[in-house]
PDB file of N, CA and C in Angstrom:
ATOM      1  N   MET A   1       0.840  -1.179   0.000  1.00  0.00           N
ATOM      2  CA  MET A   1       0.000   0.000   0.000  1.00  0.00           C
ATOM      3  C   MET A   1       0.888   1.247   0.000  1.00  0.00           C
ATOM      4  N   THR A   2       0.612   2.120  -0.897  1.00  0.00           N
ATOM      5  CA  THR A   2       1.334   3.386  -0.948  1.00  0.00           C
ATOM      6  C   THR A   2       0.610   4.397  -0.070  1.00  0.00           C
ATOM      7  N   VAL A   3       1.342   5.005   0.804  1.00  0.00           N
ATOM      8  CA  VAL A   3       0.779   6.013   1.705  1.00  0.00           C
ATOM      9  C   VAL A   3       1.136   7.383   1.148  1.00  0.00           C
ATOM     10  N   PRO A   4       0.156   8.245   0.994  1.00  0.00           N
ATOM     11  CA  PRO A   4       0.489   9.593   0.535  1.00  0.00           C
ATOM     12  C   PRO A   4       1.434  10.287   1.524  1.00  0.00           C
ATOM     13  N   ILE A   5       2.545  10.788   1.009  1.00  0.00           N
ATOM     14  CA  ILE A   5       3.513  11.469   1.861  1.00  0.00           C
ATOM     15  C   ILE A   5       2.852  12.604   2.625  1.00  0.00           C
ATOM     16  N   ALA A   6       1.901  13.261   1.993  1.00  0.00           N
ATOM     17  CA  ALA A   6       1.212  14.370   2.667  1.00  0.00           C
ATOM     18  C   ALA A   6       0.517  13.897   3.943  1.00  0.00           C
ATOM     19  N   GLU A   7      -0.003  12.686   3.935  1.00  0.00           N
ATOM     20  CA  GLU A   7      -0.663  12.142   5.133  1.00  0.00           C
ATOM     21  C   GLU A   7       0.344  11.910   6.251  1.00  0.00           C
ATOM     22  N   LEU A   8       1.491  11.367   5.898  1.00  0.00           N
ATOM     23  CA  LEU A   8       2.519  11.118   6.904  1.00  0.00           C
ATOM     24  C   LEU A   8       3.062  12.434   7.448  1.00  0.00           C
ATOM     25  N   LYS A   9       3.244  13.416   6.584  1.00  0.00           N
ATOM     26  CA  LYS A   9       3.697  14.736   7.037  1.00  0.00           C
ATOM     27  C   LYS A   9       2.662  15.349   7.975  1.00  0.00           C
ATOM     28  N   ARG A  10       1.399  15.149   7.650  1.00  0.00           N
ATOM     29  CA  ARG A  10       0.324  15.664   8.514  1.00  0.00           C
ATOM     30  C   ARG A  10       0.373  14.995   9.888  1.00  0.00           C
ATOM     31  N   ALA A  11       0.653  13.698   9.897  1.00  0.00           N
ATOM     32  CA  ALA A  11       0.745  12.960  11.163  1.00  0.00           C
ATOM     33  C   ALA A  11       1.920  13.462  11.995  1.00  0.00           C
ATOM     34  N   VAL A  12       3.064  13.680  11.350  1.00  0.00           N
ATOM     35  CA  VAL A  12       4.239  14.172  12.071  1.00  0.00           C
ATOM     36  C   VAL A  12       3.973  15.576  12.611  1.00  0.00           C
ATOM     37  N   GLN A  13       3.396  16.434  11.784  1.00  0.00           N
ATOM     38  CA  GLN A  13       3.134  17.800  12.232  1.00  0.00           C
ATOM     39  C   GLN A  13       2.149  17.810  13.401  1.00  0.00           C
ATOM     40  N   ALA A  14       1.139  16.957  13.348  1.00  0.00           N
ATOM     41  CA  ALA A  14       0.190  16.862  14.458  1.00  0.00           C
ATOM     42  C   ALA A  14       0.916  16.452  15.737  1.00  0.00           C
ATOM     43  N   ALA A  15       1.820  15.486  15.627  1.00  0.00           N
ATOM     44  CA  ALA A  15       2.585  15.056  16.802  1.00  0.00           C
ATOM     45  C   ALA A  15       3.456  16.185  17.333  1.00  0.00           C
ATOM     46  N   LEU A  16       4.097  16.918  16.425  1.00  0.00           N
ATOM     47  CA  LEU A  16       4.922  18.055  16.848  1.00  0.00           C
ATOM     48  C   LEU A  16       4.087  19.145  17.506  1.00  0.00           C
ATOM     49  N   ASP A  17       2.816  19.224  17.116  1.00  0.00           N
ATOM     50  CA  ASP A  17       1.898  20.207  17.690  1.00  0.00           C
ATOM     51  C   ASP A  17       1.176  19.677  18.930  1.00  0.00           C
ATOM     52  N   SER A  18       1.667  18.555  19.453  1.00  0.00           N
ATOM     53  CA  SER A  18       1.094  17.907  20.646  1.00  0.00           C
ATOM     54  C   SER A  18      -0.326  17.403  20.434  1.00  0.00           C
ATOM     55  N   GLU A  19      -0.647  17.075  19.202  1.00  0.00           N
ATOM     56  CA  GLU A  19      -1.952  16.493  18.880  1.00  0.00           C
ATOM     57  C   GLU A  19      -1.759  14.986  18.672  1.00  0.00           C
ATOM     58  N   TRP A  20      -1.410  14.310  19.772  1.00  0.00           N
ATOM     59  CA  TRP A  20      -1.061  12.892  19.743  1.00  0.00           C
ATOM     60  C   TRP A  20      -2.183  12.054  19.150  1.00  0.00           C
ATOM     61  N   ASP A  21      -3.419  12.276  19.599  1.00  0.00           N
ATOM     62  CA  ASP A  21      -4.545  11.463  19.137  1.00  0.00           C
ATOM     63  C   ASP A  21      -4.766  11.613  17.637  1.00  0.00           C
ATOM     64  N   LYS A  22      -4.690  12.830  17.145  1.00  0.00           N
ATOM     65  CA  LYS A  22      -4.864  13.083  15.709  1.00  0.00           C
ATOM     66  C   LYS A  22      -3.787  12.349  14.915  1.00  0.00           C
ATOM     67  N   SER A  23      -2.543  12.462  15.352  1.00  0.00           N
ATOM     68  CA  SER A  23      -1.442  11.792  14.676  1.00  0.00           C
ATOM     69  C   SER A  23      -1.617  10.280  14.717  1.00  0.00           C
ATOM     70  N   HIS A  24      -1.996   9.768  15.852  1.00  0.00           N
ATOM     71  CA  HIS A  24      -2.184   8.325  16.029  1.00  0.00           C
ATOM     72  C   HIS A  24      -3.265   7.797  15.093  1.00  0.00           C
ATOM     73  N   LYS A  25      -4.358   8.524  14.971  1.00  0.00           N
ATOM     74  CA  LYS A  25      -5.449   8.098  14.079  1.00  0.00           C
ATOM     75  C   LYS A  25      -4.987   8.035  12.626  1.00  0.00           C
ATOM     76  N   ILE A  26      -4.130   8.943  12.231  1.00  0.00           N
ATOM     77  CA  ILE A  26      -3.632   8.932  10.861  1.00  0.00           C
ATOM     78  C   ILE A  26      -2.762   7.703  10.619  1.00  0.00           C
ATOM     79  N   VAL A  27      -1.765   7.479  11.468  1.00  0.00           N
ATOM     80  CA  VAL A  27      -0.804   6.395  11.207  1.00  0.00           C
ATOM     81  C   VAL A  27      -1.381   5.012  11.455  1.00  0.00           C
ATOM     82  N   GLN A  28      -2.402   4.900  12.258  1.00  0.00           N
ATOM     83  CA  GLN A  28      -2.995   3.586  12.517  1.00  0.00           C
ATOM     84  C   GLN A  28      -3.514   2.927  11.248  1.00  0.00           C
ATOM     85  N   GLY A  29      -3.866   3.730  10.267  1.00  0.00           N
ATOM     86  CA  GLY A  29      -4.431   3.177   9.043  1.00  0.00           C
ATOM     87  C   GLY A  29      -3.413   2.664   8.044  1.00  0.00           C
ATOM     88  N   TYR A  30      -2.125   2.786   8.355  1.00  0.00           N
ATOM     89  CA  TYR A  30      -1.085   2.401   7.406  1.00  0.00           C
ATOM     90  C   TYR A  30      -0.080   1.455   8.047  1.00  0.00           C
ATOM     91  N   ASN A  31       0.529   0.617   7.223  1.00  0.00           N
ATOM     92  CA  ASN A  31       1.492  -0.360   7.723  1.00  0.00           C
ATOM     93  C   ASN A  31       2.814  -0.277   6.963  1.00  0.00           C
ATOM     94  N   THR A  32       3.220   0.920   6.603  1.00  0.00           N
ATOM     95  CA  THR A  32       4.512   1.105   5.945  1.00  0.00           C
ATOM     96  C   THR A  32       5.571   1.345   7.020  1.00  0.00           C
ATOM     97  N   PRO A  33       6.838   1.173   6.691  1.00  0.00           N
ATOM     98  CA  PRO A  33       7.888   1.419   7.695  1.00  0.00           C
ATOM     99  C   PRO A  33       7.843   2.836   8.279  1.00  0.00           C
ATOM    100  N   THR A  34       7.599   3.836   7.458  1.00  0.00           N
ATOM    101  CA  THR A  34       7.565   5.205   7.986  1.00  0.00           C
ATOM    102  C   THR A  34       6.371   5.409   8.897  1.00  0.00           C
ATOM    103  N   ALA A  35       5.213   4.887   8.515  1.00  0.00           N
ATOM    104  CA  ALA A  35       4.033   5.004   9.381  1.00  0.00           C
ATOM    105  C   ALA A  35       4.270   4.268  10.697  1.00  0.00           C
ATOM    106  N   CYS A  36       4.888   3.098  10.623  1.00  0.00           N
ATOM    107  CA  CYS A  36       5.197   2.345  11.847  1.00  0.00           C
ATOM    108  C   CYS A  36       6.189   3.099  12.719  1.00  0.00           C
ATOM    109  N   ARG A  37       7.143   3.767  12.097  1.00  0.00           N
ATOM    110  CA  ARG A  37       8.112   4.543  12.873  1.00  0.00           C
ATOM    111  C   ARG A  37       7.433   5.709  13.579  1.00  0.00           C
ATOM    112  N   ILE A  38       6.562   6.402  12.890  1.00  0.00           N
ATOM    113  CA  ILE A  38       5.823   7.500  13.526  1.00  0.00           C
ATOM    114  C   ILE A  38       5.010   6.940  14.684  1.00  0.00           C
ATOM    115  N   HIS A  39       4.365   5.808  14.455  1.00  0.00           N
ATOM    116  CA  HIS A  39       3.575   5.137  15.490  1.00  0.00           C
ATOM    117  C   HIS A  39       4.460   4.818  16.698  1.00  0.00           C
ATOM    118  N   ALA A  40       5.672   4.339  16.427  1.00  0.00           N
ATOM    119  CA  ALA A  40       6.618   4.018  17.500  1.00  0.00           C
ATOM    120  C   ALA A  40       6.975   5.254  18.313  1.00  0.00           C
ATOM    121  N   VAL A  41       7.226   6.350  17.625  1.00  0.00           N
ATOM    122  CA  VAL A  41       7.590   7.590  18.322  1.00  0.00           C
ATOM    123  C   VAL A  41       6.420   8.076  19.177  1.00  0.00           C
ATOM    124  N   LEU A  42       5.219   7.941  18.671  1.00  0.00           N
ATOM    125  CA  LEU A  42       4.050   8.367  19.446  1.00  0.00           C
ATOM    126  C   LEU A  42       3.958   7.588  20.755  1.00  0.00           C
ATOM    127  N   HIS A  43       4.203   6.289  20.696  1.00  0.00           N
ATOM    128  CA  HIS A  43       4.151   5.500  21.929  1.00  0.00           C
ATOM    129  C   HIS A  43       5.342   5.802  22.843  1.00  0.00           C
ATOM    130  N   LYS A  44       6.466   6.213  22.253  1.00  0.00           N
ATOM    131  CA  LYS A  44       7.601   6.655  23.064  1.00  0.00           C
ATOM    132  C   LYS A  44       7.209   7.919  23.828  1.00  0.00           C
ATOM    133  N   ILE A  45       6.557   8.849  23.139  1.00  0.00           N
ATOM    134  CA  ILE A  45       6.089  10.082  23.779  1.00  0.00           C
ATOM    135  C   ILE A  45       5.119   9.754  24.909  1.00  0.00           C
ATOM    136  N   GLU A  46       4.267   8.785  24.661  1.00  0.00           N
ATOM    137  CA  GLU A  46       3.246   8.377  25.638  1.00  0.00           C
ATOM    138  C   GLU A  46       3.874   7.704  26.859  1.00  0.00           C
ATOM    139  N   GLY A  47       5.114   7.237  26.707  1.00  0.00           N
ATOM    140  CA  GLY A  47       5.769   6.548  27.816  1.00  0.00           C
ATOM    141  C   GLY A  47       5.551   5.048  27.810  1.00  0.00           C
ATOM    142  N   ASP A  48       5.037   4.512  26.703  1.00  0.00           N
ATOM    143  CA  ASP A  48       4.765   3.085  26.572  1.00  0.00           C
ATOM    144  C   ASP A  48       5.909   2.441  25.788  1.00  0.00           C
ATOM    145  N   ALA A  49       7.014   2.164  26.482  1.00  0.00           N
ATOM    146  CA  ALA A  49       8.227   1.657  25.832  1.00  0.00           C
ATOM    147  C   ALA A  49       7.988   0.316  25.144  1.00  0.00           C
ATOM    148  N   TRP A  50       7.220  -0.577  25.770  1.00  0.00           N
ATOM    149  CA  TRP A  50       6.981  -1.893  25.165  1.00  0.00           C
ATOM    150  C   TRP A  50       6.296  -1.732  23.821  1.00  0.00           C
ATOM    151  N   ASN A  51       5.221  -0.961  23.765  1.00  0.00           N
ATOM    152  CA  ASN A  51       4.471  -0.765  22.531  1.00  0.00           C
ATOM    153  C   ASN A  51       5.322  -0.021  21.501  1.00  0.00           C
ATOM    154  N   SER A  52       6.092   0.938  21.958  1.00  0.00           N
ATOM    155  CA  SER A  52       6.978   1.671  21.064  1.00  0.00           C
ATOM    156  C   SER A  52       7.979   0.719  20.411  1.00  0.00           C
ATOM    157  N   ARG A  53       8.584  -0.145  21.199  1.00  0.00           N
ATOM    158  CA  ARG A  53       9.561  -1.102  20.667  1.00  0.00           C
ATOM    159  C   ARG A  53       8.901  -2.068  19.673  1.00  0.00           C
ATOM    160  N   TYR A  54       7.666  -2.431  19.927  1.00  0.00           N
ATOM    161  CA  TYR A  54       6.908  -3.286  19.000  1.00  0.00           C
ATOM    162  C   TYR A  54       6.846  -2.624  17.622  1.00  0.00           C
ATOM    163  N   TRP A  55       6.517  -1.336  17.584  1.00  0.00           N
ATOM    164  CA  TRP A  55       6.404  -0.625  16.310  1.00  0.00           C
ATOM    165  C   TRP A  55       7.765  -0.385  15.683  1.00  0.00           C
ATOM    166  N   TYR A  56       8.783  -0.106  16.490  1.00  0.00           N
ATOM    167  CA  TYR A  56      10.131   0.051  15.939  1.00  0.00           C
ATOM    168  C   TYR A  56      10.592  -1.240  15.273  1.00  0.00           C
ATOM    169  N   ALA A  57      10.192  -2.384  15.791  1.00  0.00           N
ATOM    170  CA  ALA A  57      10.600  -3.670  15.228  1.00  0.00           C
ATOM    171  C   ALA A  57      10.114  -3.841  13.786  1.00  0.00           C
ATOM    172  N   ARG A  58       9.144  -3.046  13.381  1.00  0.00           N
ATOM    173  CA  ARG A  58       8.619  -3.097  12.013  1.00  0.00           C
ATOM    174  C   ARG A  58       9.343  -2.113  11.092  1.00  0.00           C
ATOM    175  N   THR A  59      10.406  -1.502  11.598  1.00  0.00           N
ATOM    176  CA  THR A  59      11.171  -0.514  10.838  1.00  0.00           C
ATOM    177  C   THR A  59      12.654  -0.892  10.878  1.00  0.00           C
ATOM    178  N   SER A  60      13.468  -0.076  10.253  1.00  0.00           N
ATOM    179  CA  SER A  60      14.921  -0.283  10.324  1.00  0.00           C
ATOM    180  C   SER A  60      15.544   0.592  11.410  1.00  0.00           C
ATOM    181  N   HIS A  61      14.717   1.151  12.276  1.00  0.00           N
ATOM    182  CA  HIS A  61      15.186   2.046  13.332  1.00  0.00           C
ATOM    183  C   HIS A  61      15.025   1.389  14.698  1.00  0.00           C
ATOM    184  N   LYS A  62      15.710   1.931  15.677  1.00  0.00           N
ATOM    185  CA  LYS A  62      15.696   1.392  17.041  1.00  0.00           C
ATOM    186  C   LYS A  62      15.171   2.424  18.025  1.00  0.00           C
ATOM    187  N   TYR A  63      14.581   1.936  19.084  1.00  0.00           N
ATOM    188  CA  TYR A  63      14.045   2.774  20.163  1.00  0.00           C
ATOM    189  C   TYR A  63      15.107   3.734  20.690  1.00  0.00           C
ATOM    190  N   GLU A  64      16.333   3.244  20.821  1.00  0.00           N
ATOM    191  CA  GLU A  64      17.420   4.024  21.424  1.00  0.00           C
ATOM    192  C   GLU A  64      18.073   5.022  20.457  1.00  0.00           C
ATOM    193  N   GLU A  65      17.674   5.008  19.218  1.00  0.00           N
ATOM    194  CA  GLU A  65      18.323   5.846  18.200  1.00  0.00           C
ATOM    195  C   GLU A  65      18.233   7.340  18.519  1.00  0.00           C
ATOM    196  N   TYR A  66      17.124   7.763  19.067  1.00  0.00           N
ATOM    197  CA  TYR A  66      16.913   9.166  19.446  1.00  0.00           C
ATOM    198  C   TYR A  66      16.465   9.227  20.900  1.00  0.00           C
ATOM    199  N   ALA A  67      17.144  10.020  21.696  1.00  0.00           N
ATOM    200  CA  ALA A  67      16.730  10.200  23.090  1.00  0.00           C
ATOM    201  C   ALA A  67      15.501  11.096  23.168  1.00  0.00           C
ATOM    202  N   ASP A  68      15.424  12.062  22.270  1.00  0.00           N
ATOM    203  CA  ASP A  68      14.324  13.032  22.281  1.00  0.00           C
ATOM    204  C   ASP A  68      13.357  12.730  21.137  1.00  0.00           C
ATOM    205  N   PRO A  69      12.124  12.328  21.455  1.00  0.00           N
ATOM    206  CA  PRO A  69      11.151  12.026  20.409  1.00  0.00           C
ATOM    207  C   PRO A  69      10.881  13.207  19.471  1.00  0.00           C
ATOM    208  N   GLN A  70      10.956  14.420  19.990  1.00  0.00           N
ATOM    209  CA  GLN A  70      10.727  15.595  19.140  1.00  0.00           C
ATOM    210  C   GLN A  70      11.812  15.708  18.071  1.00  0.00           C
ATOM    211  N   ASP A  71      13.052  15.406  18.455  1.00  0.00           N
ATOM    212  CA  ASP A  71      14.147  15.403  17.480  1.00  0.00           C
ATOM    213  C   ASP A  71      13.899  14.357  16.403  1.00  0.00           C
ATOM    214  N   GLU A  72      13.418  13.208  16.810  1.00  0.00           N
ATOM    215  CA  GLU A  72      13.144  12.148  15.838  1.00  0.00           C
ATOM    216  C   GLU A  72      12.004  12.548  14.911  1.00  0.00           C
ATOM    217  N   LEU A  73      10.960  13.152  15.451  1.00  0.00           N
ATOM    218  CA  LEU A  73       9.862  13.604  14.597  1.00  0.00           C
ATOM    219  C   LEU A  73      10.348  14.617  13.572  1.00  0.00           C
ATOM    220  N   ARG A  74      11.199  15.546  13.999  1.00  0.00           N
ATOM    221  CA  ARG A  74      11.736  16.530  13.062  1.00  0.00           C
ATOM    222  C   ARG A  74      12.592  15.840  11.992  1.00  0.00           C
ATOM    223  N   ALA A  75      13.350  14.808  12.378  1.00  0.00           N
ATOM    224  CA  ALA A  75      14.160  14.050  11.408  1.00  0.00           C
ATOM    225  C   ALA A  75      13.251  13.334  10.405  1.00  0.00           C
ATOM    226  N   ILE A  76      12.178  12.736  10.881  1.00  0.00           N
ATOM    227  CA  ILE A  76      11.232  12.061   9.997  1.00  0.00           C
ATOM    228  C   ILE A  76      10.624  13.073   9.021  1.00  0.00           C
ATOM    229  N   LEU A  77      10.253  14.223   9.522  1.00  0.00           N
ATOM    230  CA  LEU A  77       9.665  15.256   8.668  1.00  0.00           C
ATOM    231  C   LEU A  77      10.662  15.673   7.575  1.00  0.00           C
ATOM    232  N   ARG A  78      11.929  15.848   7.939  1.00  0.00           N
ATOM    233  CA  ARG A  78      12.953  16.195   6.948  1.00  0.00           C
ATOM    234  C   ARG A  78      13.070  15.105   5.880  1.00  0.00           C
ATOM    235  N   GLU A  79      13.040  13.852   6.317  1.00  0.00           N
ATOM    236  CA  GLU A  79      13.118  12.742   5.364  1.00  0.00           C
ATOM    237  C   GLU A  79      11.929  12.766   4.412  1.00  0.00           C
ATOM    238  N   LEU A  80      10.753  13.009   4.949  1.00  0.00           N
ATOM    239  CA  LEU A  80       9.548  13.060   4.111  1.00  0.00           C
ATOM    240  C   LEU A  80       9.605  14.228   3.128  1.00  0.00           C
ATOM    241  N   GLU A  81      10.136  15.338   3.573  1.00  0.00           N
ATOM    242  CA  GLU A  81      10.221  16.506   2.709  1.00  0.00           C
ATOM    243  C   GLU A  81      11.248  16.311   1.600  1.00  0.00           C
ATOM    244  N   ASN A  82      12.213  15.432   1.810  1.00  0.00           N
ATOM    245  CA  ASN A  82      13.232  15.162   0.796  1.00  0.00           C
ATOM    246  C   ASN A  82      12.797  14.082  -0.199  1.00  0.00           C
ATOM    247  N   ASN A  83      11.631  13.527  -0.021  1.00  0.00           N
ATOM    248  CA  ASN A  83      11.108  12.514  -0.955  1.00  0.00           C
ATOM    249  C   ASN A  83      10.300  13.138  -2.048  1.00  0.00           C
TER     250      ASN A  83
END
């Protein structure tokens, strides 16, 4: 399934704007590595390390890669903007 980049960017921006629920609803509908990574970061923000690690396992990234979830969200946004 191809996910529109605009949708993923919207999910990241919502997360950066502290709209966790809005972002979560967007990414829940997709099963791509980037959507799973955003999902993982959201659960990291929530403090649910187990669930976050579950979603990271569906990507090429690791829970420990970024200490600050906001930094990771900004990195994801940059990657999406470069596509």
